[in-house]
């Protein structure tokens, strides 16, 4: 037996079988938009945390190749990269807080500013800013 919560915006066809609305069609008035996920907030938090964790890992792994190939990466620049990676890990752990998404956006801006220290940090900043923008888009679509 199905409950009304399980299929809130289905209708019945002439034979009595439930019919889902067409893909992309908004639910009727009074019915929440469903993403199909059991816990959409948790899924979105996982996306944000995974993105920030991957960013931290890439930043830490990029230090040595930047030093070998690019040259001029001084102690201050290495410290800045490590600080950005630590901030990304801390934010990944705090994705339950609503301000963490804004702080993640600020982190992407700081990484872009890291391009002043070394051109490869600008490249990483552009890549991760685009990934973060996509994560924000997915969050907006799923949570509304």
Protein backbone atom coordinates (compact mmCIF):
# COMPACT_ATOMS: atom_id res chain seq x y z
CA UNK A 1 0.00 0.00 0.00
CA UNK A 2 1.46 3.33 -0.95
CA UNK A 3 1.09 6.44 1.14
CA UNK A 4 0.21 9.88 -0.26
CA UNK A 5 3.70 11.08 0.79
CA UNK A 6 5.32 8.60 -1.57
CA UNK A 7 3.57 9.80 -4.72
CA UNK A 8 2.36 13.34 -4.01
CA UNK A 9 1.92 14.55 -7.57
CA UNK A 10 0.65 11.55 -9.46
CA UNK A 11 -2.70 11.44 -11.15
CA UNK A 12 -4.71 8.55 -12.47
CA UNK A 13 -5.31 7.72 -16.09
CA UNK A 14 -8.72 6.38 -17.27
CA UNK A 15 -7.74 2.84 -16.26
CA UNK A 16 -6.96 3.95 -12.69
CA UNK A 17 -3.19 3.50 -12.97
CA UNK A 18 -1.06 6.29 -11.50
CA UNK A 19 0.57 8.61 -14.02
CA UNK A 20 3.64 10.75 -13.29
CA UNK A 21 3.69 14.30 -14.67
CA UNK A 22 5.96 14.83 -17.69
CA UNK A 23 9.65 15.48 -17.03
CA UNK A 24 10.31 19.16 -16.44
CA UNK A 25 6.71 19.96 -15.55
CA UNK A 26 6.22 21.70 -12.22
CA UNK A 27 3.99 20.00 -9.64
CA UNK A 28 0.53 21.38 -9.15
CA UNK A 29 -0.16 24.07 -6.55
CA UNK A 30 0.25 22.98 -2.96
CA UNK A 31 2.57 20.09 -3.72
CA UNK A 32 6.31 20.30 -3.04
CA UNK A 33 8.77 19.76 -5.85
CA UNK A 34 10.42 16.38 -5.43
CA UNK A 35 13.97 15.61 -6.49
CA UNK A 36 13.64 11.85 -6.17
CA UNK A 37 16.33 11.76 -3.48
CA UNK A 38 15.56 10.31 -0.07
CA UNK A 39 17.39 13.14 1.70
CA UNK A 40 18.15 15.98 -0.74
CA UNK A 41 19.80 18.21 1.89
CA UNK A 42 22.25 15.46 2.77
CA UNK A 43 23.03 14.77 -0.89
CA UNK A 44 23.75 18.44 -1.54
CA UNK A 45 25.94 18.68 1.57
CA UNK A 46 27.86 15.65 0.35
CA UNK A 47 28.40 17.30 -3.02
CA UNK A 48 29.77 20.44 -1.38
CA UNK A 49 31.96 18.53 1.06
CA UNK A 50 33.29 16.27 -1.68
CA UNK A 51 34.12 19.23 -3.88
CA UNK A 52 36.01 21.00 -1.09
CA UNK A 53 37.82 17.81 -0.05
CA UNK A 54 38.95 17.18 -3.61
CA UNK A 55 40.11 20.79 -3.85
CA UNK A 56 42.17 20.43 -0.66
CA UNK A 57 43.78 17.22 -1.93
CA UNK A 58 44.64 18.76 -5.30
CA UNK A 59 46.12 21.85 -3.65
CA UNK A 60 48.37 19.78 -1.39
CA UNK A 61 49.45 17.46 -4.19
CA UNK A 62 50.18 20.43 -6.48
CA UNK A 63 52.84 21.97 -4.26
CA UNK A 64 55.76 19.81 -5.38
CA UNK A 65 55.05 19.83 -9.14
CA UNK A 66 54.65 23.62 -9.01
CA UNK A 67 58.02 23.90 -7.25
CA UNK A 68 59.75 21.58 -9.73
CA UNK A 69 58.21 22.78 -12.98
CA UNK A 70 57.22 26.35 -12.25
CA UNK A 71 60.11 27.39 -10.08
CA UNK A 72 59.38 30.53 -8.04
CA UNK A 73 57.11 29.13 -5.34
CA UNK A 74 58.48 30.58 -2.10
CA UNK A 75 57.74 29.73 1.50
CA UNK A 76 54.94 32.29 1.74
CA UNK A 77 53.22 30.88 -1.33
CA UNK A 78 53.51 27.32 -0.01
CA UNK A 79 52.07 28.50 3.31
CA UNK A 80 49.18 30.14 1.47
CA UNK A 81 48.44 26.95 -0.45
CA UNK A 82 48.51 24.89 2.75
CA UNK A 83 46.25 27.45 4.48
CA UNK A 84 43.76 27.25 1.59
CA UNK A 85 43.81 23.44 1.74
CA UNK A 86 43.22 23.45 5.51
CA UNK A 87 40.37 25.95 5.09
CA UNK A 88 38.81 23.71 2.42
CA UNK A 89 38.96 20.68 4.74
CA UNK A 90 37.44 22.65 7.63
CA UNK A 91 34.65 23.96 5.41
CA UNK A 92 33.99 20.45 4.09
CA UNK A 93 33.33 19.39 7.67
CA UNK A 94 30.98 22.33 8.28
CA UNK A 95 28.67 21.95 5.29
CA UNK A 96 25.66 21.58 7.60
CA UNK A 97 25.87 25.26 8.39
CA UNK A 98 24.20 27.50 5.81
CA UNK A 99 27.06 30.02 5.81
CA UNK A 100 29.54 27.32 4.72
CA UNK A 101 28.34 27.64 1.11
CA UNK A 102 29.14 31.36 1.12
CA UNK A 103 32.49 30.68 2.78
CA UNK A 104 33.23 28.11 0.06
CA UNK A 105 32.58 30.78 -2.55
CA UNK A 106 34.98 33.13 -0.76
CA UNK A 107 37.55 30.31 -0.70
CA UNK A 108 37.32 30.03 -4.49
CA UNK A 109 37.97 33.78 -4.76
CA UNK A 110 41.00 33.47 -2.50
CA UNK A 111 42.37 30.67 -4.66
CA UNK A 112 41.91 32.88 -7.72
CA UNK A 113 43.85 35.60 -5.90
CA UNK A 114 46.55 32.99 -5.30
CA UNK A 115 47.21 33.42 -9.00
CA UNK A 116 49.18 36.51 -7.99
CA UNK A 117 51.64 34.19 -6.23
CA UNK A 118 51.95 31.71 -9.12
CA UNK A 119 50.18 31.34 -12.46
CA UNK A 120 49.32 27.68 -11.83
CA UNK A 121 47.27 28.66 -8.77
CA UNK A 122 45.21 30.87 -11.06
CA UNK A 123 44.61 27.84 -13.29
CA UNK A 124 43.52 25.73 -10.31
CA UNK A 125 41.37 28.63 -9.11
CA UNK A 126 39.55 28.84 -12.43
CA UNK A 127 38.94 25.09 -12.53
CA UNK A 128 37.65 24.88 -8.97
CA UNK A 129 35.59 28.07 -9.29
CA UNK A 130 33.79 26.45 -12.23
CA UNK A 131 33.29 23.21 -10.27
CA UNK A 132 31.99 25.19 -7.28
CA UNK A 133 29.63 27.17 -9.51
CA UNK A 134 28.25 23.87 -10.80
CA UNK A 135 27.81 22.59 -7.22
CA UNK A 136 25.89 25.78 -6.36
CA UNK A 137 23.73 25.27 -9.45
CA UNK A 138 22.94 21.68 -8.45
CA UNK A 139 22.14 22.87 -4.92
CA UNK A 140 19.74 25.48 -6.26
CA UNK A 141 18.01 22.98 -8.57
CA UNK A 142 17.62 20.28 -5.93
CA UNK A 143 16.71 22.42 -2.94
CA UNK A 144 14.86 25.12 -4.85
